Amino acid sequence: MNQQHIIFSDEVLVNGYKTALTLSTDGILRWHDTNNVLHSLSIEEQVLGVSNAGQHVILKSFVKEDGFCFGTSLVRKTFVFEPFSPHSLRILFDKIQSYIHSLGRPKRLFVFVNPFGGKKSASKVFANDVRPILEDANIEYTLQETKYQLHAKEVSHTLDLTKYDGIICVSGDGILVEVVNGLLEREDWQAALKMPIGVIPAGTGNGMIKSLLDSVGQPCTAAYAMLAAVRGHKRSLDVATIWQGETRFFSVLMLAWGLIADIDIESEKYRWMGSARMDIYGLQRALKLRKYNGCISFVPAPGFEDVGEPVSLGVVESMEPLKARQHSYQGPKVDFPTSCWRKLNGPFIGVWLQNVPWGSETAKAAPNAKVCFFLLFSIFEL
């Protein structure tokens, strides 16, 4: 390695054994163990946080380890570096801390925990997987357990966003949707749109975090989701605006009507099963399919212009939705009359519109969907 890229080099004790330690400008720590095997640790990819305790620099990290039966997994690991002089100790600590600060990671988070979702495991997930990582990363947090439906929407609607660098939802997809709706109904919705939202899988479906992690080739686990949140990794996501009469709401995951919606709603009595409730009740419903009368009007994607029938101008003009109070987000600006609307008439077994590939951890409903793409749709039921 070129010497000019080294910003720290000295002999230290690493977990009790003496070795030469280097830190390079790319944020990589390197040293050899007692068997002269080279070890490296990436501050950006693996280090959660650093602390100075007496004569030691302590690094809390997440490293991959090969399991005997279950493949590679993330494991929290502590590295203790002990330089031989106060000067060396101060330089090593300052260099590592400075590099971490340069990464723009969140310092303060607001955390929602939904103790009622899925198998009611969110509190356990927070205690075992979320809180230890927040503490290792030296991230301050405010914890809010949801008490009832739409509680997260109420809290996010009035939350002082200037106090936080992001919001974490330890839940399934429901709390995420509540938070998005709460933020977009604020008077300062334009600023609220910039608030990063993280999801830790602890619910029934977990389709959003499954889609996000799968898009970068990572498994859908609380550990990988928390690591992405701690690193401050962000992805843009489209928001769909839905009108049902005078009621307006926003969706970031999906919109279902018919079979899928019925399975989701009617399987609530099996919530104790976790995600298996969808599969079991879905099988029951598949054996006794219902049909739903309606008409779907849509703007076709490129290459699908011949699907359905053209919609008359008079019908298109009647599609213009009512406007809610003007001090909140109104949805995208759409020129309804000039859009090339088409329609499909029922009866239907079900309609499932996806914003991301995965509807749940086990259902890849829209394989060609991307995490960030443009979607415009409108459903009008007869």
Protein backbone atom coordinates (compact mmCIF):
# COMPACT_ATOMS: atom_id res chain seq x y z
CA MET A 1 0.00 0.00 0.00
CA ASN A 2 1.28 3.48 -0.87
CA GLN A 3 2.59 5.22 2.28
CA GLN A 4 0.82 8.50 1.50
CA HIS A 5 -2.55 6.75 1.95
CA ILE A 6 -1.78 5.75 5.54
CA ILE A 7 -3.18 8.16 8.14
CA PHE A 8 -2.30 6.06 11.19
CA SER A 9 0.43 3.46 11.73
CA ASP A 10 1.69 2.19 15.07
CA GLU A 11 2.12 -0.88 17.22
CA VAL A 12 -0.89 -1.60 19.43
CA LEU A 13 -2.54 -4.42 21.30
CA VAL A 14 -5.53 -5.82 19.38
CA ASN A 15 -7.77 -7.83 21.70
CA GLY A 16 -4.71 -8.47 23.84
CA TYR A 17 -1.98 -9.35 21.30
CA LYS A 18 0.72 -7.05 19.98
CA THR A 19 0.68 -6.16 16.28
CA ALA A 20 1.14 -3.30 13.82
CA LEU A 21 -2.10 -1.44 13.06
CA THR A 22 -2.72 0.84 10.09
CA LEU A 23 -5.63 3.06 9.08
CA SER A 24 -5.81 4.24 5.48
CA THR A 25 -7.68 7.13 3.89
CA ASP A 26 -10.34 4.74 2.57
CA GLY A 27 -11.35 3.94 6.15
CA ILE A 28 -9.82 0.45 6.32
CA LEU A 29 -8.10 -0.78 9.48
CA ARG A 30 -5.53 -3.55 8.92
CA TRP A 31 -3.48 -5.74 11.23
CA HIS A 32 -2.02 -9.27 11.48
CA ASP A 33 -2.94 -11.81 14.13
CA THR A 34 -0.55 -14.10 16.01
CA ASN A 35 -0.53 -16.49 13.03
CA ASN A 36 0.43 -13.62 10.70
CA VAL A 37 -3.02 -13.71 9.05
CA LEU A 38 -4.07 -10.30 7.72
CA HIS A 39 -7.31 -8.88 9.12
CA SER A 40 -9.18 -5.81 7.89
CA LEU A 41 -12.16 -3.83 9.10
CA SER A 42 -14.07 -1.30 7.01
CA ILE A 43 -15.29 1.65 9.07
CA GLU A 44 -18.02 2.45 6.55
CA GLU A 45 -19.31 -1.08 6.00
CA GLN A 46 -18.66 -2.82 9.32
CA VAL A 47 -18.07 -0.39 12.18
CA LEU A 48 -21.12 0.75 14.14
CA GLY A 49 -19.43 3.07 16.62
CA VAL A 50 -16.25 3.97 18.48
CA SER A 51 -15.60 4.89 22.11
CA ASN A 52 -12.58 5.84 24.20
CA ALA A 53 -12.34 3.99 27.52
CA GLY A 54 -9.20 4.75 29.49
CA GLN A 55 -6.25 3.40 27.50
CA HIS A 56 -8.45 1.61 24.97
CA VAL A 57 -10.17 2.47 21.70
CA ILE A 58 -13.24 0.22 21.48
CA LEU A 59 -14.91 -0.50 18.15
CA LYS A 60 -18.40 -1.98 17.97
CA SER A 61 -18.86 -3.71 14.64
CA PHE A 62 -21.05 -5.95 12.51
CA VAL A 63 -19.08 -8.67 10.72
CA LYS A 64 -20.13 -11.58 8.54
CA GLU A 65 -19.42 -15.04 9.86
CA ASP A 66 -20.03 -18.39 8.21
CA GLY A 67 -22.44 -20.61 10.09
CA PHE A 68 -22.20 -24.39 10.08
CA CYS A 69 -25.67 -24.98 8.66
CA PHE A 70 -27.25 -21.61 7.94
CA GLY A 71 -24.72 -19.87 5.70
CA THR A 72 -23.37 -16.38 6.33
CA SER A 73 -24.87 -14.25 9.07
CA LEU A 74 -24.16 -10.86 10.65
CA VAL A 75 -22.60 -10.99 14.10
CA ARG A 76 -21.96 -8.10 16.49
CA LYS A 77 -18.31 -8.07 17.49
CA THR A 78 -16.14 -5.85 19.69
CA PHE A 79 -12.53 -4.97 18.85
CA VAL A 80 -10.31 -3.46 21.55
CA PHE A 81 -7.24 -1.49 20.41
CA GLU A 82 -4.69 -0.46 23.04
CA PRO A 83 -1.96 1.93 21.79
CA PHE A 84 1.20 2.23 23.86
CA SER A 85 1.12 6.02 24.28
CA PRO A 86 -1.57 8.62 25.06
CA HIS A 87 -0.60 10.48 21.87
CA SER A 88 -1.15 7.41 19.70
CA LEU A 89 -4.41 6.67 21.52
CA ARG A 90 -5.75 10.16 20.86
CA ILE A 91 -4.78 10.13 17.18
CA LEU A 92 -6.32 6.69 16.54
CA PHE A 93 -9.58 7.60 18.27
CA ASP A 94 -9.84 11.00 16.55
CA LYS A 95 -9.14 9.54 13.09
CA ILE A 96 -11.77 6.82 13.45
CA GLN A 97 -14.37 9.15 14.95
CA SER A 98 -13.73 11.76 12.26
CA TYR A 99 -14.19 9.18 9.51
CA ILE A 100 -17.49 7.98 11.02
CA HIS A 101 -18.76 11.58 11.25
CA SER A 102 -17.85 12.16 7.59
CA LEU A 103 -20.27 9.40 6.54
CA GLY A 104 -23.33 11.48 7.47
CA ARG A 105 -24.91 8.78 9.60
CA PRO A 106 -28.02 9.54 11.69
CA LYS A 107 -27.41 10.68 15.26
CA ARG A 108 -31.00 10.89 16.56
CA LEU A 109 -33.88 8.59 15.60
CA PHE A 110 -37.55 8.33 16.49
CA VAL A 111 -38.53 4.67 16.84
CA PHE A 112 -42.04 3.24 16.51
CA VAL A 113 -42.61 -0.27 17.89
CA ASN A 114 -45.89 -2.01 17.08
CA PRO A 115 -46.35 -4.67 19.79
CA PHE A 116 -49.54 -5.99 18.14
CA GLY A 117 -48.27 -6.77 14.62
CA GLY A 118 -47.60 -10.25 13.25
CA LYS A 119 -46.79 -12.69 16.04
CA LYS A 120 -46.53 -9.75 18.47
CA SER A 121 -42.75 -10.04 18.34
CA ALA A 122 -41.84 -6.38 17.69
CA SER A 123 -40.95 -5.63 21.32
CA LYS A 124 -38.63 -8.64 21.37
CA VAL A 125 -37.09 -7.63 18.03
CA PHE A 126 -36.45 -4.15 19.40
CA ALA A 127 -34.86 -5.49 22.59
CA ASN A 128 -32.70 -8.12 20.86
CA ASP A 129 -31.84 -6.58 17.49
CA VAL A 130 -32.58 -2.86 17.43
CA ARG A 131 -31.65 -1.34 20.78
CA PRO A 132 -28.20 -3.03 21.04
CA ILE A 133 -27.24 -1.74 17.59
CA LEU A 134 -28.47 1.78 18.36
CA GLU A 135 -26.37 1.75 21.53
CA ASP A 136 -23.31 0.36 19.74
CA ALA A 137 -23.65 3.09 17.10
CA ASN A 138 -24.01 5.82 19.76
CA ILE A 139 -27.37 6.84 18.29
CA GLU A 140 -29.82 8.64 20.56
CA TYR A 141 -33.42 7.53 20.15
CA THR A 142 -36.95 8.21 21.33
CA LEU A 143 -39.15 5.12 21.67
CA GLN A 144 -42.89 5.12 21.02
CA GLU A 145 -44.99 1.96 21.29
CA THR A 146 -48.18 2.20 19.26
CA LYS A 147 -51.33 1.78 21.35
CA TYR A 148 -54.06 1.60 18.73
CA GLN A 149 -54.72 1.74 15.00
CA LEU A 150 -53.55 5.01 13.37
CA HIS A 151 -51.57 5.95 16.50
CA ALA A 152 -48.37 6.18 14.44
CA LYS A 153 -50.16 8.45 11.95
CA GLU A 154 -51.24 10.80 14.75
CA VAL A 155 -47.75 10.95 16.26
CA SER A 156 -45.94 11.51 12.94
CA HIS A 157 -48.45 14.21 12.01
CA THR A 158 -47.38 16.39 14.96
CA LEU A 159 -43.82 15.16 15.56
CA ASP A 160 -41.10 17.83 15.83
CA LEU A 161 -38.98 16.63 12.91
CA THR A 162 -36.16 19.05 13.68
CA LYS A 163 -35.18 16.84 16.63
CA TYR A 164 -34.53 13.73 14.53
CA ASP A 165 -32.51 12.49 11.57
CA GLY A 166 -34.95 9.71 10.72
CA ILE A 167 -37.88 7.52 11.77
CA ILE A 168 -37.62 3.77 12.36
CA CYS A 169 -40.67 1.46 12.24
CA VAL A 170 -40.20 -1.85 14.06
CA SER A 171 -43.27 -3.47 12.57
CA GLY A 172 -44.76 -4.79 9.38
CA ASP A 173 -45.86 -2.54 6.53
CA GLY A 174 -48.88 -1.07 8.34
CA ILE A 175 -46.99 1.33 10.62
CA LEU A 176 -44.88 2.50 7.66
CA VAL A 177 -48.05 3.43 5.76
CA GLU A 178 -49.42 5.24 8.82
CA VAL A 179 -46.21 7.26 9.18
CA VAL A 180 -46.19 8.21 5.48
CA ASN A 181 -49.81 9.38 5.67
CA GLY A 182 -49.13 11.35 8.84
CA LEU A 183 -46.15 13.12 7.28
CA LEU A 184 -47.93 13.97 4.03
CA GLU A 185 -50.92 15.47 5.83
CA ARG A 186 -48.72 17.99 7.65
CA GLU A 187 -48.64 21.66 6.72
CA ASP A 188 -44.87 21.33 6.29
CA TRP A 189 -45.24 18.21 4.14
CA GLN A 190 -42.55 19.37 1.70
CA ALA A 191 -39.96 19.29 4.48
CA ALA A 192 -41.49 16.12 5.95
CA LEU A 193 -40.97 14.34 2.62
CA LYS A 194 -37.22 14.55 3.21
CA MET A 195 -37.39 12.63 6.50
CA PRO A 196 -35.81 9.17 5.98
CA ILE A 197 -37.97 6.27 7.17
CA GLY A 198 -36.51 2.87 8.01
CA VAL A 199 -38.36 -0.42 8.48
CA ILE A 200 -37.28 -3.32 10.68
CA PRO A 201 -39.19 -6.54 9.81
CA ALA A 202 -41.42 -7.46 12.75
CA GLY A 203 -44.88 -7.87 11.24
CA THR A 204 -46.96 -10.12 9.05
CA GLY A 205 -45.99 -9.09 5.54
CA ASN A 206 -42.76 -7.06 5.62
CA GLY A 207 -43.01 -6.52 1.87
CA MET A 208 -41.32 -3.11 1.82
CA ILE A 209 -38.14 -4.04 3.69
CA LYS A 210 -38.00 -7.33 1.78
CA SER A 211 -38.05 -5.37 -1.49
CA LEU A 212 -35.40 -2.90 -0.31
CA LEU A 213 -32.97 -5.51 1.01
CA ASP A 214 -33.57 -7.91 -1.88
CA SER A 215 -32.73 -5.14 -4.36
CA VAL A 216 -29.16 -5.11 -2.98
CA GLY A 217 -28.88 -8.87 -2.55
CA GLN A 218 -29.31 -8.98 1.23
CA PRO A 219 -31.57 -11.26 3.30
CA CYS A 220 -34.64 -9.85 5.02
CA THR A 221 -33.54 -9.83 8.65
CA ALA A 222 -33.66 -7.27 11.44
CA ALA A 223 -29.85 -7.20 11.55
CA TYR A 224 -29.42 -6.27 7.87
CA ALA A 225 -32.28 -3.75 8.08
CA MET A 226 -30.72 -2.08 11.13
CA LEU A 227 -27.29 -2.01 9.52
CA ALA A 228 -28.76 -0.16 6.52
CA ALA A 229 -30.47 2.32 8.87
CA VAL A 230 -27.34 2.93 10.94
CA ARG A 231 -25.28 3.51 7.81
CA GLY A 232 -27.86 6.05 6.65
CA HIS A 233 -28.41 4.32 3.31
CA LYS A 234 -31.39 5.85 1.48
CA ARG A 235 -33.51 4.96 -1.56
CA SER A 236 -36.16 7.13 -3.19
CA LEU A 237 -39.68 5.72 -3.28
CA ASP A 238 -42.81 6.76 -5.12
CA VAL A 239 -46.03 7.53 -3.27
CA ALA A 240 -49.42 6.72 -4.80
CA THR A 241 -52.41 8.94 -4.03
CA ILE A 242 -55.73 7.09 -3.69
CA TRP A 243 -59.17 8.66 -3.55
CA GLN A 244 -62.25 6.76 -2.37
CA GLY A 245 -65.12 9.20 -2.58
CA GLU A 246 -63.99 12.18 -0.51
CA THR A 247 -61.44 10.12 1.41
CA ARG A 248 -57.82 10.45 0.34
CA PHE A 249 -54.89 8.36 1.52
CA PHE A 250 -51.38 7.53 0.38
CA SER A 251 -49.70 4.21 -0.33
CA VAL A 252 -46.06 3.24 -0.77
CA LEU A 253 -46.44 -0.54 -0.94
CA MET A 254 -49.56 -1.67 -2.75
CA LEU A 255 -53.27 -1.28 -3.34
CA ALA A 256 -55.47 -4.39 -3.39
CA TRP A 257 -59.11 -4.93 -4.24
CA GLY A 258 -60.97 -8.22 -4.26
CA LEU A 259 -59.22 -11.47 -3.39
CA ILE A 260 -55.97 -10.09 -1.92
CA ALA A 261 -57.74 -7.40 0.11
CA ASP A 262 -60.20 -9.95 1.47
CA ILE A 263 -57.39 -12.31 2.48
CA ASP A 264 -55.60 -9.48 4.28
CA ILE A 265 -58.69 -8.24 6.13
CA GLU A 266 -60.51 -11.50 6.82
CA SER A 267 -57.40 -13.34 8.05
CA GLU A 268 -57.02 -10.92 10.97
CA LYS A 269 -58.47 -13.60 13.25
CA TYR A 270 -55.36 -15.69 12.47
CA ARG A 271 -52.87 -12.89 13.20
CA TRP A 272 -51.21 -15.03 15.86
CA MET A 273 -49.85 -17.20 13.02
CA GLY A 274 -47.69 -14.39 11.69
CA SER A 275 -47.10 -14.38 7.92
CA ALA A 276 -48.46 -17.95 7.66
CA ARG A 277 -51.98 -16.57 8.12
CA MET A 278 -51.90 -15.19 4.59
CA ASP A 279 -50.94 -18.54 3.08
CA ILE A 280 -53.44 -20.59 5.07
CA TYR A 281 -56.40 -18.26 4.61
CA GLY A 282 -55.38 -17.61 1.01
CA LEU A 283 -55.68 -21.34 0.32
CA GLN A 284 -59.13 -21.39 1.89
CA ARG A 285 -60.27 -18.47 -0.24
CA ALA A 286 -58.76 -19.94 -3.41
CA LEU A 287 -61.03 -22.95 -2.99
CA LYS A 288 -64.08 -20.66 -2.88
CA LEU A 289 -63.35 -17.77 -5.22
CA ARG A 290 -65.62 -14.74 -5.25
CA LYS A 291 -66.09 -12.41 -8.20
CA TYR A 292 -66.23 -8.63 -8.01
CA ASN A 293 -68.01 -6.37 -10.49
CA GLY A 294 -66.28 -3.14 -11.36
CA CYS A 295 -64.38 -1.12 -13.92
CA ILE A 296 -60.67 -0.28 -13.82
CA SER A 297 -59.54 2.86 -15.64
CA PHE A 298 -55.82 3.28 -16.19
CA VAL A 299 -53.08 4.95 -18.22
CA PRO A 300 -51.19 2.10 -19.90
CA ALA A 301 -47.46 1.68 -19.59
CA PRO A 302 -45.39 1.83 -22.81
CA GLY A 303 -45.97 -1.33 -24.83
CA PHE A 304 -49.43 -1.96 -23.37
CA GLU A 305 -51.39 0.73 -25.22
CA ASP A 306 -53.78 -1.84 -26.72
CA VAL A 307 -54.85 -3.34 -23.39
CA GLY A 308 -58.48 -2.59 -22.55
CA GLU A 309 -60.83 -0.18 -24.28
CA PRO A 310 -60.56 3.61 -24.73
CA VAL A 311 -62.35 5.74 -22.14
CA SER A 312 -64.64 8.50 -23.44
CA LEU A 313 -63.70 12.12 -22.73
CA GLY A 314 -66.77 12.70 -20.57
CA VAL A 315 -65.88 9.80 -18.29
CA VAL A 316 -62.26 10.97 -18.04
CA GLU A 317 -63.30 14.47 -16.99
CA SER A 318 -65.43 12.98 -14.20
CA MET A 319 -62.35 11.20 -12.82
CA GLU A 320 -60.83 14.42 -11.48
CA PRO A 321 -60.71 13.82 -7.71
CA LEU A 322 -61.95 16.22 -5.08
CA LYS A 323 -59.26 18.29 -3.44
CA ALA A 324 -58.63 18.03 0.26
CA ARG A 325 -57.45 20.90 2.42
CA GLN A 326 -54.80 22.76 0.47
CA HIS A 327 -52.20 22.98 3.24
CA SER A 328 -51.32 19.28 2.93
CA TYR A 329 -49.93 17.21 0.05
CA GLN A 330 -52.47 16.97 -2.78
CA GLY A 331 -50.90 14.22 -4.84
CA PRO A 332 -49.23 14.49 -8.25
CA LYS A 333 -50.38 17.02 -10.80
CA VAL A 334 -52.14 15.03 -13.51
CA ASP A 335 -53.81 16.30 -16.68
CA PHE A 336 -56.68 13.81 -16.74
CA PRO A 337 -58.35 14.89 -20.03
CA THR A 338 -55.16 14.64 -22.12
CA SER A 339 -53.97 11.32 -20.67
CA CYS A 340 -54.64 8.24 -22.80
CA TRP A 341 -56.99 6.45 -20.42
CA ARG A 342 -58.26 2.95 -21.08
CA LYS A 343 -60.51 0.62 -19.10
CA LEU A 344 -61.12 -3.01 -18.21
CA ASN A 345 -64.59 -4.19 -17.22
CA GLY A 346 -65.17 -6.92 -14.61
CA PRO A 347 -66.10 -9.16 -13.06
CA PHE A 348 -62.67 -9.62 -11.43
CA ILE A 349 -61.30 -12.14 -8.97
CA GLY A 350 -58.89 -9.55 -7.67
CA VAL A 351 -56.79 -6.51 -8.50
CA TRP A 352 -53.32 -6.09 -7.01
CA LEU A 353 -51.26 -2.96 -7.73
CA GLN A 354 -47.66 -3.07 -6.49
CA ASN A 355 -45.19 -0.23 -6.02
CA VAL A 356 -42.34 -2.63 -5.16
CA PRO A 357 -41.60 -6.26 -6.15
CA TRP A 358 -42.53 -8.02 -2.91
CA GLY A 359 -46.00 -7.90 -1.38
CA SER A 360 -44.70 -9.86 1.60
CA GLU A 361 -41.56 -11.79 2.53
CA THR A 362 -42.84 -14.80 0.57
CA ALA A 363 -44.89 -13.22 -2.25
CA LYS A 364 -43.01 -11.61 -5.12
CA ALA A 365 -46.15 -10.24 -6.72
CA ALA A 366 -44.49 -7.85 -9.20
CA PRO A 367 -41.04 -9.20 -10.20
CA ASN A 368 -40.47 -6.40 -12.72
CA ALA A 369 -41.32 -3.58 -10.32
CA LYS A 370 -38.43 -1.41 -9.22
CA VAL A 371 -37.88 0.20 -5.85
CA CYS A 372 -37.86 3.61 -7.52
CA PHE A 373 -40.12 4.10 -10.55
CA PHE A 374 -43.14 6.13 -11.66
CA LEU A 375 -46.62 4.71 -11.20
CA LEU A 376 -49.93 6.43 -11.91
CA PHE A 377 -53.21 4.63 -11.52
CA SER A 378 -56.82 5.17 -10.58
CA ILE A 379 -59.54 2.69 -9.68
CA PHE A 380 -63.20 3.47 -10.03
CA GLU A 381 -65.61 0.89 -8.69
CA LEU A 382 -69.07 0.64 -10.19
